C-alpha atoms as a PDB file:
ATOM      1  CA  MET A   1     -77.752-113.869  41.443  1.00  0.00           C
ATOM      2  CA  ALA A   2     -80.769-112.740  43.549  1.00  0.00           C
ATOM      3  CA  MET A   3     -84.184-113.725  42.488  1.00  0.00           C
ATOM      4  CA  ASN A   4     -85.991-111.154  40.573  1.00  0.00           C
ATOM      5  CA  ARG A   5     -89.399-110.676  42.492  1.00  0.00           C
ATOM      6  CA  ILE A   6     -91.259-109.025  39.258  1.00  0.00           C
ATOM      7  CA  GLN A   7     -90.144-111.986  37.224  1.00  0.00           C
ATOM      8  CA  PHE A   8     -91.873-114.659  39.653  1.00  0.00           C
ATOM      9  CA  GLN A   9     -94.998-112.806  40.734  1.00  0.00           C
ATOM     10  CA  PRO A  10     -98.280-114.806  40.396  1.00  0.00           C
ATOM     11  CA  GLY A  11    -100.376-114.047  37.429  1.00  0.00           C
ATOM     12  CA  LEU A  12    -101.252-115.080  33.757  1.00  0.00           C
ATOM     13  CA  SER A  13     -98.771-117.365  31.803  1.00  0.00           C
ATOM     14  CA  LEU A  14     -97.727-115.991  28.578  1.00  0.00           C
ATOM     15  CA  PRO A  15     -99.894-118.678  26.810  1.00  0.00           C
ATOM     16  CA  ALA A  16    -102.954-117.897  28.951  1.00  0.00           C
ATOM     17  CA  PHE A  17    -102.466-114.171  28.432  1.00  0.00           C
ATOM     18  CA  LEU A  18    -102.141-114.600  24.614  1.00  0.00           C
ATOM     19  CA  GLU A  19    -105.352-116.888  24.547  1.00  0.00           C
ATOM     20  CA  GLN A  20    -107.302-114.091  26.482  1.00  0.00           C
ATOM     21  CA  PHE A  21    -105.777-111.000  24.881  1.00  0.00           C
ATOM     22  CA  GLY A  22    -104.062-112.298  21.824  1.00  0.00           C
ATOM     23  CA  SER A  23    -105.692-110.054  19.332  1.00  0.00           C
ATOM     24  CA  GLU A  24    -106.686-106.401  19.231  1.00  0.00           C
ATOM     25  CA  ALA A  25    -110.286-107.201  19.067  1.00  0.00           C
ATOM     26  CA  GLN A  26    -109.893-109.488  22.153  1.00  0.00           C
ATOM     27  CA  CYS A  27    -108.191-106.585  24.139  1.00  0.00           C
ATOM     28  CA  GLU A  28    -110.861-104.149  22.986  1.00  0.00           C
ATOM     29  CA  ALA A  29    -113.735-106.456  24.020  1.00  0.00           C
ATOM     30  CA  ALA A  30    -112.121-107.076  27.531  1.00  0.00           C
ATOM     31  CA  LEU A  31    -111.589-103.184  27.985  1.00  0.00           C
ATOM     32  CA  GLU A  32    -115.220-102.600  27.039  1.00  0.00           C
ATOM     33  CA  LYS A  33    -116.471-105.211  29.553  1.00  0.00           C
ATOM     34  CA  ALA A  34    -114.289-103.936  32.139  1.00  0.00           C
ATOM     35  CA  ARG A  35    -115.609-100.372  31.773  1.00  0.00           C
ATOM     36  CA  TRP A  36    -119.043-101.227  31.453  1.00  0.00           C
ATOM     37  CA  PRO A  37    -119.750-104.517  32.972  1.00  0.00           C
ATOM     38  CA  GLU A  38    -123.602-104.156  32.490  1.00  0.00           C
ATOM     39  CA  GLY A  39    -123.473-102.422  29.053  1.00  0.00           C
ATOM     40  CA  PHE A  40    -122.805 -98.863  28.063  1.00  0.00           C
ATOM     41  CA  ARG A  41    -123.708 -95.966  30.382  1.00  0.00           C
ATOM     42  CA  CYS A  42    -122.824 -92.372  29.726  1.00  0.00           C
ATOM     43  CA  PRO A  43    -120.476 -91.195  32.329  1.00  0.00           C
ATOM     44  CA  ARG A  44    -121.910 -87.749  32.007  1.00  0.00           C
ATOM     45  CA  CYS A  45    -125.702 -88.365  32.233  1.00  0.00           C
ATOM     46  CA  GLY A  46    -125.894 -92.092  32.950  1.00  0.00           C
ATOM     47  CA  GLN A  47    -128.033 -92.736  29.982  1.00  0.00           C
ATOM     48  CA  ALA A  48    -127.790 -96.246  28.230  1.00  0.00           C
ATOM     49  CA  GLU A  49    -129.061 -95.108  24.756  1.00  0.00           C
ATOM     50  CA  HIS A  50    -126.055 -94.706  22.513  1.00  0.00           C
ATOM     51  CA  SER A  51    -124.785 -94.968  18.971  1.00  0.00           C
ATOM     52  CA  VAL A  52    -121.790 -96.747  17.918  1.00  0.00           C
ATOM     53  CA  LEU A  53    -119.285 -95.010  15.543  1.00  0.00           C
ATOM     54  CA  HIS A  54    -116.547 -96.836  13.879  1.00  0.00           C
ATOM     55  CA  VAL A  55    -113.396 -94.769  13.813  1.00  0.00           C
ATOM     56  CA  GLY A  56    -110.808 -96.659  11.744  1.00  0.00           C
ATOM     57  CA  VAL A  57    -110.747-100.212  13.058  1.00  0.00           C
ATOM     58  CA  HIS A  58    -111.989 -99.044  16.565  1.00  0.00           C
ATOM     59  CA  LYS A  59    -115.452 -98.391  17.645  1.00  0.00           C
ATOM     60  CA  THR A  60    -116.528 -95.430  19.834  1.00  0.00           C
ATOM     61  CA  CYS A  61    -119.809 -95.202  21.771  1.00  0.00           C
ATOM     62  CA  GLN A  62    -121.452 -91.969  21.769  1.00  0.00           C
ATOM     63  CA  CYS A  63    -124.492 -91.003  24.015  1.00  0.00           C
ATOM     64  CA  ARG A  64    -127.525 -90.124  22.142  1.00  0.00           C
ATOM     65  CA  ASP A  65    -128.718 -87.499  24.856  1.00  0.00           C
ATOM     66  CA  CYS A  66    -125.485 -85.532  25.230  1.00  0.00           C
END
């Protein structure tokens, strides 16, 4: 049988992936850090001032100026 290139591509192993993104809170923190590496900035006006709203178990950042 031919080698499946998708199966053997370099990347995180399953244990390493689960250690880094094993819980929903870890995934949410990683996404937040990827989206705003230097902290929250409003995509509309660029302002850093914001409020954090908790919608269910997730949090939503809302610009104070917009």
